[in-house]
């Protein structure tokens, strides 16, 4: 039964697209897809500043889904970069 397969089998089939989705103006992260999403993001090369934001949102607000949007508002107290 397909619904009973462990998540790592899905990862092998679809890569990161099962929990990181491109939205056209940024990325949607399904943080609850992994036991340690910040460690996974580190392995994928996400900056320390962005990982710090993810940790803060998970701890303070129990965020399970995060939309990193290029047109979103700036959050005070977090580093930003001009690319």
PDB file of N, CA and C in Angstrom:
ATOM      1  N   UNK A   1       0.846  -1.168   0.000  1.00  0.00           N
ATOM      2  CA  UNK A   1       0.000   0.000   0.000  1.00  0.00           C
ATOM      3  C   UNK A   1       0.897   1.239   0.000  1.00  0.00           C
ATOM      4  N   UNK A   2       0.730   2.117  -0.938  1.00  0.00           N
ATOM      5  CA  UNK A   2       1.605   3.265  -1.125  1.00  0.00           C
ATOM      6  C   UNK A   2       1.594   4.227   0.059  1.00  0.00           C
ATOM      7  N   UNK A   3       0.444   4.439   0.686  1.00  0.00           N
ATOM      8  CA  UNK A   3       0.366   5.403   1.781  1.00  0.00           C
ATOM      9  C   UNK A   3       1.156   4.955   3.009  1.00  0.00           C
ATOM     10  N   UNK A   4       1.521   3.725   3.077  1.00  0.00           N
ATOM     11  CA  UNK A   4       2.242   3.218   4.240  1.00  0.00           C
ATOM     12  C   UNK A   4       3.758   3.209   4.056  1.00  0.00           C
ATOM     13  N   UNK A   5       4.266   3.625   2.900  1.00  0.00           N
ATOM     14  CA  UNK A   5       5.706   3.650   2.687  1.00  0.00           C
ATOM     15  C   UNK A   5       6.355   4.703   3.564  1.00  0.00           C
ATOM     16  N   UNK A   6       7.520   4.429   4.114  1.00  0.00           N
ATOM     17  CA  UNK A   6       8.234   5.437   4.889  1.00  0.00           C
ATOM     18  C   UNK A   6       8.598   6.626   4.009  1.00  0.00           C
ATOM     19  N   UNK A   7       8.772   7.782   4.642  1.00  0.00           N
ATOM     20  CA  UNK A   7       9.048   9.005   3.894  1.00  0.00           C
ATOM     21  C   UNK A   7      10.330   8.909   3.083  1.00  0.00           C
ATOM     22  N   UNK A   8      11.337   8.182   3.564  1.00  0.00           N
ATOM     23  CA  UNK A   8      12.599   8.142   2.832  1.00  0.00           C
ATOM     24  C   UNK A   8      12.436   7.519   1.451  1.00  0.00           C
ATOM     25  N   UNK A   9      11.453   6.655   1.260  1.00  0.00           N
ATOM     26  CA  UNK A   9      11.192   6.116  -0.076  1.00  0.00           C
ATOM     27  C   UNK A   9      10.655   7.211  -0.986  1.00  0.00           C
ATOM     28  N   UNK A  10       9.815   8.082  -0.439  1.00  0.00           N
ATOM     29  CA  UNK A  10       9.323   9.204  -1.223  1.00  0.00           C
ATOM     30  C   UNK A  10      10.479  10.113  -1.600  1.00  0.00           C
ATOM     31  N   UNK A  11      11.396  10.346  -0.676  1.00  0.00           N
ATOM     32  CA  UNK A  11      12.545  11.198  -0.960  1.00  0.00           C
ATOM     33  C   UNK A  11      13.370  10.627  -2.105  1.00  0.00           C
ATOM     34  N   UNK A  12      13.566   9.327  -2.092  1.00  0.00           N
ATOM     35  CA  UNK A  12      14.349   8.691  -3.156  1.00  0.00           C
ATOM     36  C   UNK A  12      13.677   8.875  -4.507  1.00  0.00           C
ATOM     37  N   UNK A  13      12.356   8.898  -4.532  1.00  0.00           N
ATOM     38  CA  UNK A  13      11.624   9.033  -5.784  1.00  0.00           C
ATOM     39  C   UNK A  13      11.530  10.478  -6.270  1.00  0.00           C
ATOM     40  N   UNK A  14      11.369  11.430  -5.348  1.00  0.00           N
ATOM     41  CA  UNK A  14      11.054  12.798  -5.737  1.00  0.00           C
ATOM     42  C   UNK A  14      12.074  13.835  -5.286  1.00  0.00           C
ATOM     43  N   UNK A  15      13.110  13.462  -4.562  1.00  0.00           N
ATOM     44  CA  UNK A  15      14.098  14.425  -4.091  1.00  0.00           C
ATOM     45  C   UNK A  15      13.492  15.402  -3.099  1.00  0.00           C
ATOM     46  N   UNK A  16      13.914  16.638  -3.176  1.00  0.00           N
ATOM     47  CA  UNK A  16      13.458  17.664  -2.227  1.00  0.00           C
ATOM     48  C   UNK A  16      12.090  18.233  -2.582  1.00  0.00           C
ATOM     49  N   UNK A  17      11.558  17.919  -3.760  1.00  0.00           N
ATOM     50  CA  UNK A  17      10.304  18.530  -4.207  1.00  0.00           C
ATOM     51  C   UNK A  17       9.096  18.132  -3.366  1.00  0.00           C
ATOM     52  N   UNK A  18       9.228  17.141  -2.524  1.00  0.00           N
ATOM     53  CA  UNK A  18       8.119  16.745  -1.658  1.00  0.00           C
ATOM     54  C   UNK A  18       7.983  17.651  -0.442  1.00  0.00           C
ATOM     55  N   UNK A  19       9.006  18.424  -0.121  1.00  0.00           N
ATOM     56  CA  UNK A  19       8.907  19.291   1.058  1.00  0.00           C
ATOM     57  C   UNK A  19       9.400  20.697   0.787  1.00  0.00           C
ATOM     58  N   UNK A  20      10.031  20.948  -0.345  1.00  0.00           N
ATOM     59  CA  UNK A  20      10.432  22.289  -0.758  1.00  0.00           C
ATOM     60  C   UNK A  20       9.800  22.542  -2.118  1.00  0.00           C
ATOM     61  N   UNK A  21       8.885  23.502  -2.157  1.00  0.00           N
ATOM     62  CA  UNK A  21       8.146  23.785  -3.381  1.00  0.00           C
ATOM     63  C   UNK A  21       8.429  25.203  -3.848  1.00  0.00           C
ATOM     64  N   UNK A  22       8.732  25.382  -5.124  1.00  0.00           N
ATOM     65  CA  UNK A  22       8.930  26.708  -5.689  1.00  0.00           C
ATOM     66  C   UNK A  22       7.565  27.307  -5.986  1.00  0.00           C
ATOM     67  N   UNK A  23       7.330  28.556  -5.552  1.00  0.00           N
ATOM     68  CA  UNK A  23       6.020  29.187  -5.708  1.00  0.00           C
ATOM     69  C   UNK A  23       5.985  30.254  -6.788  1.00  0.00           C
ATOM     70  N   UNK A  24       7.085  30.498  -7.452  1.00  0.00           N
ATOM     71  CA  UNK A  24       7.136  31.555  -8.452  1.00  0.00           C
ATOM     72  C   UNK A  24       7.801  32.807  -7.920  1.00  0.00           C
ATOM     73  N   UNK A  25       7.596  33.088  -6.644  1.00  0.00           N
ATOM     74  CA  UNK A  25       8.234  34.257  -6.023  1.00  0.00           C
ATOM     75  C   UNK A  25       9.031  33.872  -4.779  1.00  0.00           C
ATOM     76  N   UNK A  26       9.191  32.592  -4.550  1.00  0.00           N
ATOM     77  CA  UNK A  26       9.928  32.123  -3.376  1.00  0.00           C
ATOM     78  C   UNK A  26       9.756  30.623  -3.216  1.00  0.00           C
ATOM     79  N   UNK A  27       9.879  30.180  -1.981  1.00  0.00           N
ATOM     80  CA  UNK A  27       9.795  28.747  -1.696  1.00  0.00           C
ATOM     81  C   UNK A  27       8.881  28.488  -0.513  1.00  0.00           C
ATOM     82  N   UNK A  28       8.158  27.404  -0.586  1.00  0.00           N
ATOM     83  CA  UNK A  28       7.303  26.934   0.489  1.00  0.00           C
ATOM     84  C   UNK A  28       7.991  25.719   1.097  1.00  0.00           C
ATOM     85  N   UNK A  29       8.273  25.784   2.401  1.00  0.00           N
ATOM     86  CA  UNK A  29       8.960  24.693   3.090  1.00  0.00           C
ATOM     87  C   UNK A  29       7.981  23.983   4.018  1.00  0.00           C
ATOM     88  N   UNK A  30       7.830  22.688   3.849  1.00  0.00           N
ATOM     89  CA  UNK A  30       7.008  21.885   4.752  1.00  0.00           C
ATOM     90  C   UNK A  30       7.943  21.329   5.823  1.00  0.00           C
ATOM     91  N   UNK A  31       8.075  22.054   6.916  1.00  0.00           N
ATOM     92  CA  UNK A  31       9.077  21.762   7.936  1.00  0.00           C
ATOM     93  C   UNK A  31       8.811  20.471   8.700  1.00  0.00           C
ATOM     94  N   UNK A  32       7.575  20.022   8.734  1.00  0.00           N
ATOM     95  CA  UNK A  32       7.239  18.813   9.486  1.00  0.00           C
ATOM     96  C   UNK A  32       7.512  17.533   8.698  1.00  0.00           C
ATOM     97  N   UNK A  33       8.028  17.672   7.485  1.00  0.00           N
ATOM     98  CA  UNK A  33       8.322  16.493   6.668  1.00  0.00           C
ATOM     99  C   UNK A  33       9.565  15.754   7.152  1.00  0.00           C
ATOM    100  N   UNK A  34      10.423  16.425   7.893  1.00  0.00           N
ATOM    101  CA  UNK A  34      11.653  15.834   8.412  1.00  0.00           C
ATOM    102  C   UNK A  34      11.690  15.976   9.927  1.00  0.00           C
ATOM    103  N   UNK A  35      12.338  15.056  10.592  1.00  0.00           N
ATOM    104  CA  UNK A  35      12.500  15.150  12.047  1.00  0.00           C
ATOM    105  C   UNK A  35      13.385  16.326  12.429  1.00  0.00           C
ATOM    106  N   UNK A  36      14.409  16.597  11.637  1.00  0.00           N
ATOM    107  CA  UNK A  36      15.343  17.692  11.901  1.00  0.00           C
ATOM    108  C   UNK A  36      15.471  18.548  10.640  1.00  0.00           C
ATOM    109  N   UNK A  37      14.445  19.374  10.351  1.00  0.00           N
ATOM    110  CA  UNK A  37      14.445  20.122   9.090  1.00  0.00           C
ATOM    111  C   UNK A  37      15.590  21.119   8.962  1.00  0.00           C
ATOM    112  N   UNK A  38      16.022  21.723  10.063  1.00  0.00           N
ATOM    113  CA  UNK A  38      17.095  22.719   9.991  1.00  0.00           C
ATOM    114  C   UNK A  38      18.416  22.052   9.613  1.00  0.00           C
ATOM    115  N   UNK A  39      18.668  20.877  10.142  1.00  0.00           N
ATOM    116  CA  UNK A  39      19.867  20.137   9.757  1.00  0.00           C
ATOM    117  C   UNK A  39      19.811  19.767   8.274  1.00  0.00           C
ATOM    118  N   UNK A  40      18.653  19.379   7.811  1.00  0.00           N
ATOM    119  CA  UNK A  40      18.485  19.054   6.386  1.00  0.00           C
ATOM    120  C   UNK A  40      18.739  20.297   5.527  1.00  0.00           C
ATOM    121  N   UNK A  41      18.223  21.449   5.969  1.00  0.00           N
ATOM    122  CA  UNK A  41      18.436  22.697   5.230  1.00  0.00           C
ATOM    123  C   UNK A  41      19.911  23.090   5.227  1.00  0.00           C
ATOM    124  N   UNK A  42      20.603  22.815   6.322  1.00  0.00           N
ATOM    125  CA  UNK A  42      22.044  23.090   6.382  1.00  0.00           C
ATOM    126  C   UNK A  42      22.780  22.240   5.352  1.00  0.00           C
ATOM    127  N   UNK A  43      22.427  20.985   5.275  1.00  0.00           N
ATOM    128  CA  UNK A  43      23.068  20.088   4.301  1.00  0.00           C
ATOM    129  C   UNK A  43      22.794  20.514   2.865  1.00  0.00           C
ATOM    130  N   UNK A  44      21.665  21.189   2.657  1.00  0.00           N
ATOM    131  CA  UNK A  44      21.323  21.676   1.320  1.00  0.00           C
ATOM    132  C   UNK A  44      21.981  23.016   1.006  1.00  0.00           C
ATOM    133  N   UNK A  45      22.664  23.616   2.016  1.00  0.00           N
ATOM    134  CA  UNK A  45      23.401  24.852   1.779  1.00  0.00           C
ATOM    135  C   UNK A  45      22.681  26.132   2.145  1.00  0.00           C
ATOM    136  N   UNK A  46      21.584  26.053   2.900  1.00  0.00           N
ATOM    137  CA  UNK A  46      20.878  27.263   3.321  1.00  0.00           C
ATOM    138  C   UNK A  46      21.743  28.052   4.293  1.00  0.00           C
ATOM    139  N   UNK A  47      21.758  29.366   4.166  1.00  0.00           N
ATOM    140  CA  UNK A  47      22.625  30.211   4.986  1.00  0.00           C
ATOM    141  C   UNK A  47      22.296  30.086   6.473  1.00  0.00           C
ATOM    142  N   UNK A  48      23.278  30.398   7.289  1.00  0.00           N
ATOM    143  CA  UNK A  48      23.096  30.355   8.741  1.00  0.00           C
ATOM    144  C   UNK A  48      22.019  31.343   9.169  1.00  0.00           C
ATOM    145  N   UNK A  49      21.982  32.518   8.542  1.00  0.00           N
ATOM    146  CA  UNK A  49      20.975  33.532   8.883  1.00  0.00           C
ATOM    147  C   UNK A  49      19.564  33.015   8.599  1.00  0.00           C
ATOM    148  N   UNK A  50      19.379  32.344   7.487  1.00  0.00           N
ATOM    149  CA  UNK A  50      18.056  31.817   7.153  1.00  0.00           C
ATOM    150  C   UNK A  50      17.686  30.652   8.066  1.00  0.00           C
ATOM    151  N   UNK A  51      18.647  29.819   8.386  1.00  0.00           N
ATOM    152  CA  UNK A  51      18.379  28.712   9.323  1.00  0.00           C
ATOM    153  C   UNK A  51      18.006  29.257  10.694  1.00  0.00           C
ATOM    154  N   UNK A  52      18.633  30.354  11.099  1.00  0.00           N
ATOM    155  CA  UNK A  52      18.296  30.992  12.381  1.00  0.00           C
ATOM    156  C   UNK A  52      16.837  31.452  12.375  1.00  0.00           C
ATOM    157  N   UNK A  53      16.400  32.016  11.256  1.00  0.00           N
ATOM    158  CA  UNK A  53      15.000  32.426  11.119  1.00  0.00           C
ATOM    159  C   UNK A  53      14.077  31.217  11.243  1.00  0.00           C
ATOM    160  N   UNK A  54      14.405  30.133  10.570  1.00  0.00           N
ATOM    161  CA  UNK A  54      13.578  28.925  10.617  1.00  0.00           C
ATOM    162  C   UNK A  54      13.491  28.389  12.043  1.00  0.00           C
ATOM    163  N   UNK A  55      14.612  28.326  12.747  1.00  0.00           N
ATOM    164  CA  UNK A  55      14.624  27.848  14.138  1.00  0.00           C
ATOM    165  C   UNK A  55      13.744  28.741  15.008  1.00  0.00           C
ATOM    166  N   UNK A  56      13.862  30.049  14.850  1.00  0.00           N
ATOM    167  CA  UNK A  56      13.060  30.991  15.636  1.00  0.00           C
ATOM    168  C   UNK A  56      11.576  30.783  15.385  1.00  0.00           C
ATOM    169  N   UNK A  57      11.181  30.636  14.137  1.00  0.00           N
ATOM    170  CA  UNK A  57       9.764  30.453  13.813  1.00  0.00           C
ATOM    171  C   UNK A  57       9.226  29.122  14.329  1.00  0.00           C
ATOM    172  N   UNK A  58      10.042  28.093  14.284  1.00  0.00           N
ATOM    173  CA  UNK A  58       9.611  26.792  14.811  1.00  0.00           C
ATOM    174  C   UNK A  58       9.443  26.865  16.324  1.00  0.00           C
ATOM    175  N   UNK A  59      10.413  27.454  17.019  1.00  0.00           N
ATOM    176  CA  UNK A  59      10.372  27.483  18.490  1.00  0.00           C
ATOM    177  C   UNK A  59       9.308  28.430  19.033  1.00  0.00           C
ATOM    178  N   UNK A  60       9.211  29.631  18.476  1.00  0.00           N
ATOM    179  CA  UNK A  60       8.265  30.625  19.005  1.00  0.00           C
ATOM    180  C   UNK A  60       6.829  30.379  18.579  1.00  0.00           C
ATOM    181  N   UNK A  61       6.649  29.949  17.329  1.00  0.00           N
ATOM    182  CA  UNK A  61       5.303  29.887  16.768  1.00  0.00           C
ATOM    183  C   UNK A  61       4.887  28.489  16.317  1.00  0.00           C
ATOM    184  N   UNK A  62       5.715  27.499  16.576  1.00  0.00           N
ATOM    185  CA  UNK A  62       5.436  26.118  16.159  1.00  0.00           C
ATOM    186  C   UNK A  62       5.106  26.053  14.669  1.00  0.00           C
ATOM    187  N   UNK A  63       5.848  26.809  13.872  1.00  0.00           N
ATOM    188  CA  UNK A  63       5.615  26.859  12.426  1.00  0.00           C
ATOM    189  C   UNK A  63       5.868  25.489  11.813  1.00  0.00           C
ATOM    190  N   UNK A  64       4.949  25.042  10.996  1.00  0.00           N
ATOM    191  CA  UNK A  64       5.091  23.781  10.290  1.00  0.00           C
ATOM    192  C   UNK A  64       5.304  23.993   8.804  1.00  0.00           C
ATOM    193  N   UNK A  65       4.815  25.132   8.317  1.00  0.00           N
ATOM    194  CA  UNK A  65       4.982  25.500   6.911  1.00  0.00           C
ATOM    195  C   UNK A  65       5.484  26.931   6.863  1.00  0.00           C
ATOM    196  N   UNK A  66       6.481  27.170   6.031  1.00  0.00           N
ATOM    197  CA  UNK A  66       7.094  28.492   5.923  1.00  0.00           C
ATOM    198  C   UNK A  66       7.165  28.886   4.460  1.00  0.00           C
ATOM    199  N   UNK A  67       6.661  30.087   4.146  1.00  0.00           N
ATOM    200  CA  UNK A  67       6.751  30.605   2.779  1.00  0.00           C
ATOM    201  C   UNK A  67       7.792  31.713   2.757  1.00  0.00           C
ATOM    202  N   UNK A  68       8.918  31.443   2.119  1.00  0.00           N
ATOM    203  CA  UNK A  68       9.970  32.438   1.927  1.00  0.00           C
ATOM    204  C   UNK A  68       9.667  33.130   0.604  1.00  0.00           C
ATOM    205  N   UNK A  69       9.128  34.345   0.687  1.00  0.00           N
ATOM    206  CA  UNK A  69       8.614  35.055  -0.481  1.00  0.00           C
ATOM    207  C   UNK A  69       9.447  36.294  -0.766  1.00  0.00           C
ATOM    208  N   UNK A  70       9.882  36.467  -2.000  1.00  0.00           N
ATOM    209  CA  UNK A  70      10.692  37.624  -2.396  1.00  0.00           C
ATOM    210  C   UNK A  70       9.928  38.933  -2.229  1.00  0.00           C
ATOM    211  N   UNK A  71       8.606  38.886  -2.252  1.00  0.00           N
ATOM    212  CA  UNK A  71       7.799  40.097  -2.144  1.00  0.00           C
ATOM    213  C   UNK A  71       7.197  40.279  -0.752  1.00  0.00           C
ATOM    214  N   UNK A  72       7.578  39.440   0.193  1.00  0.00           N
ATOM    215  CA  UNK A  72       7.056  39.538   1.552  1.00  0.00           C
ATOM    216  C   UNK A  72       7.691  40.685   2.322  1.00  0.00           C
ATOM    217  N   UNK A  73       7.123  40.975   3.476  1.00  0.00           N
ATOM    218  CA  UNK A  73       7.647  42.040   4.331  1.00  0.00           C
ATOM    219  C   UNK A  73       8.940  41.591   4.998  1.00  0.00           C
ATOM    220  N   UNK A  74       9.811  42.559   5.286  1.00  0.00           N
ATOM    221  CA  UNK A  74      11.045  42.269   6.015  1.00  0.00           C
ATOM    222  C   UNK A  74      10.735  42.088   7.491  1.00  0.00           C
ATOM    223  N   UNK A  75      11.372  41.130   8.107  1.00  0.00           N
ATOM    224  CA  UNK A  75      11.194  40.895   9.533  1.00  0.00           C
ATOM    225  C   UNK A  75      12.298  41.614  10.298  1.00  0.00           C
ATOM    226  N   UNK A  76      11.936  42.416  11.290  1.00  0.00           N
ATOM    227  CA  UNK A  76      12.967  43.131  12.054  1.00  0.00           C
ATOM    228  C   UNK A  76      13.817  42.161  12.873  1.00  0.00           C
ATOM    229  N   UNK A  77      15.109  42.469  12.962  1.00  0.00           N
ATOM    230  CA  UNK A  77      16.006  41.663  13.780  1.00  0.00           C
ATOM    231  C   UNK A  77      16.640  40.483  13.065  1.00  0.00           C
ATOM    232  N   UNK A  78      16.362  40.323  11.780  1.00  0.00           N
ATOM    233  CA  UNK A  78      16.942  39.223  11.012  1.00  0.00           C
ATOM    234  C   UNK A  78      17.753  39.783   9.857  1.00  0.00           C
ATOM    235  N   UNK A  79      18.856  39.133   9.552  1.00  0.00           N
ATOM    236  CA  UNK A  79      19.729  39.576   8.463  1.00  0.00           C
ATOM    237  C   UNK A  79      19.028  39.402   7.118  1.00  0.00           C
ATOM    238  N   UNK A  80      19.235  40.371   6.232  1.00  0.00           N
ATOM    239  CA  UNK A  80      18.726  40.282   4.863  1.00  0.00           C
ATOM    240  C   UNK A  80      19.882  40.485   3.898  1.00  0.00           C
ATOM    241  N   UNK A  81      19.707  40.012   2.695  1.00  0.00           N
ATOM    242  CA  UNK A  81      20.769  40.079   1.695  1.00  0.00           C
ATOM    243  C   UNK A  81      20.189  40.563   0.375  1.00  0.00           C
ATOM    244  N   UNK A  82      20.917  41.411  -0.342  1.00  0.00           N
ATOM    245  CA  UNK A  82      20.538  41.824  -1.692  1.00  0.00           C
ATOM    246  C   UNK A  82      21.210  40.895  -2.680  1.00  0.00           C
ATOM    247  N   UNK A  83      20.443  40.131  -3.382  1.00  0.00           N
ATOM    248  CA  UNK A  83      21.014  39.207  -4.353  1.00  0.00           C
ATOM    249  C   UNK A  83      20.906  39.848  -5.680  1.00  0.00           C
TER     250      UNK A  83
END
